[in-house]
Protein backbone atom coordinates (compact mmCIF):
# COMPACT_ATOMS: atom_id res chain seq x y z
CA MET A 1 8.85 7.53 -23.78
CA THR A 2 8.52 10.94 -22.63
CA ASP A 3 9.63 11.44 -19.01
CA ALA A 4 6.26 11.73 -17.19
CA ARG A 5 5.63 7.73 -18.35
CA ARG A 6 8.92 6.88 -17.77
CA GLU A 7 9.44 4.21 -15.11
CA ARG A 8 9.86 5.63 -11.50
CA ARG A 9 9.85 2.24 -9.45
CA SER A 10 12.66 1.20 -7.50
CA GLY A 11 11.42 -2.10 -6.61
CA GLN A 12 10.14 -4.88 -8.77
CA ARG A 13 6.27 -4.73 -8.68
CA ILE A 14 4.09 -7.59 -8.04
CA SER A 15 0.48 -7.98 -8.61
CA ALA A 16 -0.88 -9.36 -5.16
CA ARG A 17 -4.70 -8.75 -4.29
CA VAL A 18 -3.75 -8.77 -0.20
CA SER A 19 -6.41 -6.94 2.27
CA VAL A 20 -5.36 -3.84 4.21
CA SER A 21 -5.88 -1.80 6.89
CA VAL A 22 -5.50 1.90 6.09
CA LYS A 23 -5.07 4.98 8.25
CA THR A 24 -3.98 8.58 7.78
CA PRO A 25 -2.99 10.74 10.81
CA HIS A 26 -6.31 12.81 11.23
CA GLU A 27 -8.50 9.35 11.34
CA ARG A 28 -9.11 7.81 14.56
CA VAL A 29 -10.44 4.52 12.56
CA ALA A 30 -8.85 2.54 10.06
CA THR A 31 -10.21 1.71 7.00
CA THR A 32 -9.97 -0.78 4.88
CA GLY A 33 -8.85 -1.89 1.11
CA VAL A 34 -6.86 -4.43 -1.20
CA THR A 35 -3.77 -4.10 -2.70
CA ARG A 36 -3.39 -4.08 -6.57
CA ASP A 37 0.63 -4.97 -6.77
CA LEU A 38 3.01 -4.23 -4.38
CA SER A 39 6.82 -3.98 -3.78
CA THR A 40 9.02 -3.08 -0.91
CA SER A 41 9.36 0.77 -2.16
CA GLY A 42 5.73 1.19 -3.52
CA VAL A 43 1.74 0.04 -3.12
CA PHE A 44 -1.50 0.46 -5.65
CA LEU A 45 -4.65 -0.35 -3.70
CA TYR A 46 -8.28 0.24 -3.74
CA THR A 47 -10.27 1.61 -1.09
CA ASP A 48 -13.94 3.37 -0.50
CA SER A 49 -12.59 6.34 1.71
CA ARG A 50 -11.41 9.36 -0.35
CA ILE A 51 -7.45 9.70 0.62
CA SER A 52 -5.40 12.92 -0.77
CA GLU A 53 -2.52 13.09 -2.82
CA GLY A 54 0.10 13.88 -0.63
CA SER A 55 -1.22 12.46 2.58
CA GLU A 56 0.76 10.29 5.31
CA LEU A 57 -0.65 6.73 5.62
CA GLU A 58 -0.16 4.01 7.82
CA VAL A 59 -0.67 0.39 6.22
CA VAL A 60 -1.15 -2.91 7.73
CA LEU A 61 -0.71 -5.75 5.88
CA ILE A 62 0.79 -9.11 5.08
CA LEU A 63 3.55 -9.60 2.58
CA PRO A 64 3.57 -12.73 0.60
CA PRO A 65 7.05 -14.74 0.08
CA GLU A 66 7.47 -13.36 -3.44
CA ILE A 67 8.11 -10.13 -1.62
CA THR A 68 9.87 -11.64 1.77
CA LYS A 69 11.95 -14.02 0.23
CA SER A 70 11.01 -16.26 2.82
CA GLY A 71 7.59 -16.74 4.44
CA ILE A 72 4.66 -14.53 4.81
CA GLN A 73 4.93 -11.54 7.24
CA TRP A 74 2.81 -9.06 9.10
CA VAL A 75 4.15 -5.58 8.50
CA CYS A 76 3.07 -1.77 9.01
CA CYS A 77 4.61 0.41 6.45
CA ARG A 78 4.51 3.77 6.69
CA ALA A 79 3.47 5.45 3.03
CA SER A 80 3.47 8.93 1.14
CA VAL A 81 0.19 9.17 -1.31
CA VAL A 82 1.60 10.14 -4.60
CA ARG A 83 -1.44 9.85 -6.69
CA VAL A 84 -5.43 8.66 -6.72
CA GLU A 85 -7.57 7.73 -9.36
CA ASP A 86 -11.06 7.13 -9.53
CA GLY A 87 -12.35 3.56 -9.17
CA GLU A 88 -15.24 1.20 -9.80
CA GLU A 89 -18.36 1.56 -7.96
CA GLY A 90 -17.04 4.67 -5.49
CA SER A 91 -13.97 3.36 -4.92
CA PHE A 92 -10.41 4.96 -5.10
CA GLY A 93 -7.16 3.82 -6.66
CA VAL A 94 -3.85 4.53 -4.45
CA ALA A 95 -0.42 5.02 -5.09
CA ALA A 96 1.53 5.07 -2.57
CA SER A 97 5.69 5.39 -1.85
CA ILE A 98 6.57 3.59 1.16
CA ARG A 99 9.18 5.30 3.20
CA SER A 100 9.68 2.40 6.14
CA ILE A 101 8.36 -1.08 6.79
CA GLU A 102 7.94 -2.55 10.42
CA ILE A 103 7.91 -6.12 10.48
CA LEU A 104 5.24 -6.74 13.49
CA PRO A 105 5.64 -10.17 15.80
CA GLU A 106 3.69 -12.80 15.06
CA ILE A 107 0.85 -13.68 17.65
CA PRO A 108 0.47 -17.01 18.85
CA SER A 109 -2.68 -18.75 18.17
């Protein structure tokens, strides 16, 4: 395998279709998307908004039990975009490396 194709992920990635809210520092309103897969160190998601490689992101989502090793958990991730791909029907695929994860408090219903 060439160096360019060698696996660089540091966490086990799981396939998970989870709705996300995505915001870049220069946007006032968050956009939505859906994950394809995720781990504690990275996420691949689809969104209708074009996001540039190198952009900083704030991603809010619910982590599934496969990642948390307990129950579901709302989190806010700070991430950096490492790759952008053209998706289907005008969407974009965004691969991002997660720098930090903040657990959000539960809101009683």
